[in-house]
Protein backbone atom coordinates (compact mmCIF):
# COMPACT_ATOMS: atom_id res chain seq x y z
CA MET A 1 75.92 91.90 114.83
CA ARG A 2 73.00 94.14 116.07
CA HIS A 3 75.64 96.74 116.74
CA ASN A 4 77.02 96.67 113.26
CA LYS A 5 75.92 99.65 111.35
CA TYR A 6 76.49 97.80 108.02
CA ARG A 7 74.28 94.82 108.80
CA PHE A 8 71.45 95.93 106.65
CA ILE A 9 73.77 96.04 103.66
CA TYR A 10 74.86 92.41 104.42
CA MET A 11 71.13 91.46 104.63
CA ILE A 12 70.36 93.06 101.30
CA LEU A 13 73.35 91.30 99.71
CA ILE A 14 72.16 87.97 101.25
CA GLY A 15 68.49 88.39 100.00
CA ILE A 16 69.86 89.22 96.43
CA LEU A 17 72.05 86.19 96.30
CA LEU A 18 69.19 83.97 97.63
CA THR A 19 66.91 85.26 94.93
CA ILE A 20 69.48 84.54 92.22
CA PHE A 21 70.15 81.11 93.62
CA MET A 22 66.44 80.18 93.67
CA LYS A 23 65.87 81.72 90.15
CA LEU A 24 68.62 79.49 88.79
CA THR A 25 67.61 76.24 90.62
CA LEU A 26 63.93 76.30 91.54
CA TYR A 27 61.82 78.67 89.55
CA LYS A 28 60.74 76.69 86.48
CA VAL A 29 57.44 78.05 86.00
CA ALA A 30 56.80 81.16 83.96
CA GLN A 31 55.93 84.28 86.15
CA ASP A 32 53.89 87.25 84.98
CA HIS A 33 55.29 89.72 87.57
CA PRO A 34 58.39 91.86 87.46
CA ILE A 35 61.58 90.08 88.85
CA TRP A 36 62.28 92.84 91.20
CA TYR A 37 59.19 91.63 93.17
CA ASP A 38 61.10 88.49 94.02
CA PHE A 39 64.22 90.43 95.11
CA ALA A 40 62.17 92.70 97.26
CA VAL A 41 60.29 90.06 99.01
CA THR A 42 63.58 87.88 99.75
CA ILE A 43 65.27 90.98 100.98
CA PHE A 44 62.24 91.83 103.08
CA ILE A 45 62.09 88.33 104.52
CA THR A 46 65.90 88.36 105.21
CA ILE A 47 65.72 91.66 107.15
CA LEU A 48 62.64 90.72 109.12
CA VAL A 49 63.86 87.29 110.12
CA TRP A 50 67.47 88.49 110.99
CA GLU A 51 66.15 91.64 113.01
CA GLY A 52 63.76 89.56 114.92
CA ASN A 53 66.38 87.01 115.72
CA LEU A 54 68.58 89.81 117.04
CA ARG A 55 65.69 91.01 119.31
CA ILE A 56 65.46 87.55 120.63
CA ASP A 57 69.16 87.41 121.37
CA HIS A 58 68.99 90.72 123.01
CA TRP A 59 66.34 89.30 125.24
CA LEU A 60 68.13 86.19 126.01
CA ASN A 61 71.28 87.95 126.95
CA LYS A 62 69.37 89.75 129.80
CA ASN A 63 68.01 86.53 131.17
CA TYR A 64 70.38 83.70 130.23
CA SER A 65 74.15 83.98 130.53
CA TRP A 66 76.41 82.29 128.03
CA ILE A 67 78.71 81.39 130.93
CA ASP A 68 76.36 80.31 133.78
CA ASN A 69 73.71 78.58 131.67
CA THR A 70 75.35 77.61 128.40
CA LEU A 71 73.42 74.60 127.40
CA LYS A 72 70.05 76.09 128.39
CA ARG A 73 70.83 79.25 126.45
CA MET A 74 71.80 77.41 123.40
CA ALA A 75 68.69 75.25 123.54
CA ILE A 76 66.28 78.17 124.02
CA GLN A 77 67.87 80.29 121.54
CA PHE A 78 67.82 77.55 118.82
CA LEU A 79 64.11 76.67 119.48
CA SER A 80 62.92 80.40 119.75
CA SER A 81 64.83 81.52 116.71
CA MET A 82 63.86 78.54 114.48
CA LEU A 83 60.30 78.93 115.52
CA TYR A 84 60.21 82.60 114.82
CA SER A 85 62.09 82.20 111.56
CA GLY A 86 60.04 79.43 110.26
CA CYS A 87 56.69 81.13 111.00
CA THR A 88 57.94 84.30 109.49
CA ILE A 89 59.29 82.79 106.34
CA TYR A 90 56.14 80.64 105.78
CA ILE A 91 53.56 83.36 106.37
CA ILE A 92 55.28 85.86 104.23
CA MET A 93 55.89 83.34 101.39
CA LEU A 94 52.29 82.06 101.71
CA ALA A 95 50.91 85.61 101.37
CA TYR A 96 53.27 86.43 98.34
CA ASN A 97 52.48 83.06 96.85
CA TYR A 98 48.78 83.79 96.65
CA LEU A 99 48.65 87.59 96.29
CA THR A 100 51.49 88.11 93.72
CA CYS A 101 52.75 85.00 92.12
CA CYS A 102 49.49 83.10 91.80
CA ILE A 103 51.28 79.80 91.72
CA ALA A 104 48.69 76.86 91.87
CA TRP A 105 48.70 74.59 94.88
CA LYS A 106 49.90 71.64 92.82
CA GLN A 107 53.27 73.54 92.40
CA GLN A 108 53.75 74.08 96.09
CA SER A 109 56.98 72.08 95.98
CA LEU A 110 58.38 75.42 94.91
CA MET A 111 57.26 77.08 98.04
CA TYR A 112 58.36 74.15 100.17
CA ASN A 113 61.86 74.20 98.58
CA SER A 114 62.14 77.92 99.17
CA PHE A 115 61.03 77.47 102.63
CA ILE A 116 63.73 74.84 103.42
CA ILE A 117 66.43 77.13 101.73
CA GLY A 118 65.27 80.11 104.00
CA MET A 119 65.34 77.99 107.15
CA PHE A 120 68.80 76.65 106.27
CA VAL A 121 70.24 80.09 105.67
CA SER A 122 68.66 81.25 109.04
CA LEU A 123 70.16 78.33 110.70
CA LEU A 124 73.56 79.02 109.34
CA LEU A 125 73.52 82.81 110.22
CA LEU A 126 72.26 81.84 113.60
CA MET A 127 75.10 79.45 114.21
CA ILE A 128 77.71 82.16 113.09
CA GLU A 129 76.01 84.56 115.46
CA VAL A 130 75.81 82.22 118.35
CA SER A 131 79.35 81.11 117.89
CA THR A 132 80.59 84.56 117.78
CA GLN A 133 78.93 85.67 120.90
CA PHE A 134 79.80 82.44 122.80
CA PHE A 135 83.39 82.78 122.04
CA LYS A 136 83.41 86.61 122.67
CA ASN A 137 81.76 85.99 126.11
CA TRP A 138 84.12 83.04 126.86
CA LYS A 139 87.06 85.26 126.13
CA GLN A 140 85.82 88.09 128.19
CA SER A 141 85.17 85.59 131.06
CA LEU A 142 88.88 84.44 130.78
CA ILE A 143 89.94 88.05 130.86
CA GLU A 144 87.90 88.72 133.95
CA VAL A 145 89.18 85.60 135.65
CA GLU A 146 92.76 86.51 135.08
CA LYS A 147 92.11 89.99 136.28
CA TYR A 148 90.53 88.64 139.37
CA LYS A 149 93.39 86.34 140.00
CA THR A 150 95.91 89.22 139.52
CA GLU A 151 93.92 91.39 141.81
CA SER A 152 93.64 88.62 144.54
CA VAL A 153 97.39 87.79 144.27
CA GLN A 154 98.29 91.54 144.80
CA ALA A 155 95.82 91.76 147.73
CA GLN A 156 97.26 88.63 149.41
CA LEU A 157 100.92 89.81 148.73
CA GLN A 158 99.88 93.25 150.23
CA ASN A 159 98.56 91.43 153.28
CA LEU A 160 101.77 89.51 153.72
CA LYS A 161 103.78 92.69 153.44
CA ASP A 162 101.50 94.43 155.97
CA GLN A 163 102.29 91.67 158.43
CA ILE A 164 105.96 92.72 158.46
CA ASN A 165 105.68 96.31 159.65
CA PRO A 166 103.75 95.76 162.97
CA HIS A 167 106.01 92.88 163.84
CA PHE A 168 109.22 94.74 163.14
CA LEU A 169 108.03 97.83 164.85
CA PHE A 170 106.94 95.88 168.06
CA ASN A 171 110.31 94.33 168.38
CA ASN A 172 112.14 97.54 167.97
CA LEU A 173 109.97 99.67 170.35
CA SER A 174 110.60 96.87 172.95
CA VAL A 175 114.28 97.28 172.51
CA LEU A 176 114.13 101.02 172.70
CA SER A 177 112.05 101.16 175.83
CA SER A 178 114.73 99.17 177.71
CA LEU A 179 117.46 101.44 176.30
CA VAL A 180 115.82 104.49 177.44
CA TYR A 181 116.44 103.49 181.08
CA LYS A 182 119.88 101.84 180.60
CA ASN A 183 121.73 104.03 178.08
CA GLN A 184 120.16 107.34 176.91
CA ASP A 185 122.98 107.89 174.40
CA LYS A 186 122.50 104.71 172.81
CA ALA A 187 118.79 105.30 172.80
CA VAL A 188 119.31 108.46 170.68
CA ASP A 189 121.58 106.62 168.27
CA PHE A 190 118.95 103.87 168.15
CA ILE A 191 116.22 106.25 167.29
CA ASN A 192 118.32 107.84 164.55
CA GLN A 193 119.03 104.44 163.00
CA LEU A 194 115.53 103.40 163.40
CA SER A 195 114.36 106.32 161.40
CA LYS A 196 116.66 105.31 158.58
CA VAL A 197 115.28 101.88 158.68
CA TYR A 198 111.77 103.16 158.51
CA ARG A 199 112.62 105.27 155.71
CA TYR A 200 113.49 102.19 153.75
CA LEU A 201 110.17 100.53 154.90
CA LEU A 202 108.16 103.53 153.52
CA ASP A 203 110.15 103.57 150.28
CA SER A 204 109.77 99.90 149.54
CA LYS A 205 106.27 99.55 150.79
CA ASN A 206 104.64 99.47 147.35
CA ASN A 207 107.52 97.51 145.73
CA GLU A 208 107.10 93.79 145.25
CA LEU A 209 110.82 93.57 144.66
CA VAL A 210 113.91 95.46 145.62
CA SER A 211 117.52 95.21 144.67
CA LEU A 212 119.91 93.27 146.69
CA ALA A 213 122.05 96.32 146.91
CA ASP A 214 119.11 98.39 148.63
CA GLU A 215 118.37 95.42 150.79
CA MET A 216 121.95 95.19 151.99
CA ASN A 217 122.07 98.91 152.73
CA PHE A 218 118.92 98.47 154.86
CA LEU A 219 120.26 95.39 156.53
CA LYS A 220 123.43 97.27 157.54
CA SER A 221 121.23 99.76 159.37
CA TYR A 222 119.23 97.04 160.96
CA ILE A 223 122.51 95.25 162.05
CA TYR A 224 123.55 98.45 163.74
CA LEU A 225 120.30 98.48 165.80
CA LEU A 226 121.03 94.87 166.85
CA SER A 227 124.53 95.73 167.73
CA ILE A 228 123.45 98.35 170.24
CA ARG A 229 121.35 95.71 171.96
CA PHE A 230 123.58 92.76 171.77
CA GLU A 231 127.11 94.22 171.38
CA ASP A 232 129.60 91.51 170.88
CA SER A 233 127.10 88.69 171.61
CA LEU A 234 125.97 88.80 168.06
CA GLN A 235 128.41 88.65 165.15
CA PHE A 236 127.95 88.59 161.33
CA ASP A 237 129.80 87.11 158.58
CA ILE A 238 128.77 88.67 155.25
CA GLN A 239 130.27 87.55 151.87
CA ILE A 240 128.19 88.42 148.76
CA HIS A 241 129.74 88.75 145.29
CA GLU A 242 129.27 92.17 143.88
CA SER A 243 127.90 90.92 140.53
CA LEU A 244 124.69 89.98 142.40
CA TYR A 245 123.87 93.40 143.70
CA GLN A 246 121.53 94.18 140.81
CA LYS A 247 119.47 91.06 141.25
CA ALA A 248 116.13 91.33 143.09
CA LEU A 249 114.24 89.87 146.07
CA PRO A 250 111.26 90.67 148.21
CA PRO A 251 111.94 93.64 150.64
CA MET A 252 113.01 92.80 154.12
CA THR A 253 113.71 89.22 153.38
CA LEU A 254 117.14 89.10 154.79
CA GLN A 255 115.94 91.11 157.84
CA MET A 256 113.37 88.48 158.64
CA LEU A 257 115.80 85.69 158.45
CA VAL A 258 118.26 87.53 160.69
CA GLU A 259 115.29 88.09 163.14
CA ASN A 260 114.33 84.65 162.98
CA ALA A 261 117.81 83.34 163.84
CA ILE A 262 117.93 85.72 166.93
CA LYS A 263 114.42 84.73 168.02
CA HIS A 264 115.07 80.97 168.26
CA ASN A 265 118.73 80.77 169.43
CA GLU A 266 120.69 81.77 172.43
CA VAL A 267 122.63 85.16 172.11
CA SER A 268 124.85 85.88 174.92
CA SER A 269 128.51 86.79 175.77
CA ASN A 270 129.13 83.21 176.80
CA LEU A 271 127.63 81.88 173.55
CA PRO A 272 127.79 84.53 170.73
CA LEU A 273 125.66 83.84 167.75
CA ILE A 274 127.32 84.06 164.49
CA ILE A 275 125.01 84.62 161.54
CA SER A 276 126.46 83.99 158.05
CA ILE A 277 125.15 85.63 154.88
CA HIS A 278 126.89 84.18 151.81
CA SER A 279 126.19 84.33 148.15
CA LYS A 280 125.96 80.96 146.35
CA ASP A 281 125.43 81.12 142.55
CA ASP A 282 122.24 83.30 142.10
CA SER A 283 121.05 82.73 145.66
CA ILE A 284 121.78 84.05 149.19
CA CYS A 285 122.26 81.69 152.09
CA VAL A 286 121.57 82.79 155.62
CA SER A 287 122.86 80.33 158.12
CA ASN A 288 123.55 80.04 161.90
CA PRO A 289 124.57 77.35 164.43
CA LEU A 290 121.86 75.77 166.47
CA GLN A 291 122.07 77.25 169.97
CA HIS A 292 118.67 76.33 171.43
CA ARG A 293 117.49 78.77 174.14
CA SER A 294 116.76 77.40 177.60
CA ASN A 295 113.27 78.97 177.42
CA VAL A 296 112.01 77.48 174.10
CA GLU A 297 109.10 79.12 172.55
CA THR A 298 106.82 77.12 170.28
CA SER A 299 107.59 78.34 166.84
CA THR A 300 104.78 79.44 164.61
CA LYS A 301 107.16 79.69 161.57
CA THR A 302 105.27 82.80 160.63
CA GLY A 303 108.35 84.65 159.32
CA LEU A 304 109.61 81.66 157.08
CA LYS A 305 106.01 81.07 155.87
CA ASN A 306 105.72 84.78 155.05
CA ILE A 307 108.95 84.54 152.88
CA GLN A 308 107.74 81.32 151.17
CA ASP A 309 104.39 82.79 150.39
CA ARG A 310 105.76 86.01 148.97
CA TYR A 311 108.04 84.05 146.67
CA SER A 312 105.31 81.81 145.64
CA PHE A 313 103.30 84.85 144.26
CA LEU A 314 106.28 86.46 142.65
CA SER A 315 108.31 83.43 141.11
CA ASP A 316 108.43 79.78 140.55
CA GLU A 317 111.72 79.72 142.50
CA LYS A 318 111.65 77.86 145.79
CA VAL A 319 112.94 78.99 149.18
CA LEU A 320 115.15 75.99 150.48
CA ILE A 321 115.21 75.37 154.19
CA GLU A 322 117.60 73.06 155.80
CA GLU A 323 118.20 71.97 159.34
CA THR A 324 121.00 69.64 160.65
CA ASN A 325 122.00 68.69 164.12
CA SER A 326 124.27 71.66 164.37
CA HIS A 327 123.13 74.16 161.76
CA PHE A 328 120.05 75.96 160.31
CA SER A 329 120.01 77.64 156.98
CA VAL A 330 117.69 79.22 154.38
CA THR A 331 118.59 79.81 150.90
CA ILE A 332 116.65 82.33 148.97
CA PRO A 333 116.71 82.60 145.15
CA LEU A 334 117.52 85.91 143.71
CA LEU A 335 115.36 86.95 140.94
CA LYS A 336 115.59 89.13 137.82
CA ASN A 337 117.95 92.19 137.57
CA LEU A 338 116.07 95.54 138.45
């Protein structure tokens, strides 16, 4: 209220109403002074009490937070404000009583009743101010918490996305280094396709979601890179309903699933690996037969965890991972249309 430019008008109105109320209910003794004296002193007390309470509140805001020290703040504010209000009301009324009104001590019940009314009004206004400030600060803290959560989620999501690029680059540079010595023509084609793939990475870097159509175009370029390396040892069976192409998913999700299948399974001319990518309702299922490699590496499941974590930030939809004696499959839900 201290920033409200109309607060003095409110205080004057409160002072006038208090004077009228006390005139109608308390003042039974004839008075030999003009009635505007009573209005003036009541308004003066109202302004002095309330402005003083606002200064107390301003000092407490600097030293005692509503959020961190709620109970302590309420106790200190209540005690300090009541003490200040009581002393101010009593001293001014006592001076007014003897200097102006000339009411005898035997009629001090009038002063006592006026003091009680003044304290009650002060307490009521204090409760309104305290409640307003408390809920204002509480609401602001909730906004700040939500803002922090959003920023934290975005930072974690960016960290997960940043994990993809170095991993992807390392794998493809390893392939390229071997191709340079074996087949330079294929190496040139590989570089051209790799540049297209990285164009997609740059375009989707700041996107939390991409359309399935864009992801599939990227996957085709990635599959081309794989075909240069594995030739007929790696095969794909892709069947996706066209109605799903406007659905969304986190970028590079399908690429990571394909890469995961190649990493953990034997891929050779004697035992080709067939990776199936099929649509199922509003989901995409990537599956492959289990062809355990002879040199089995301990799986850290980083790729799958990355996908699960990104989905957990973006949606309540779950990534379904299934493994049988013969097959391994991952079903990823498609999200809203872009």
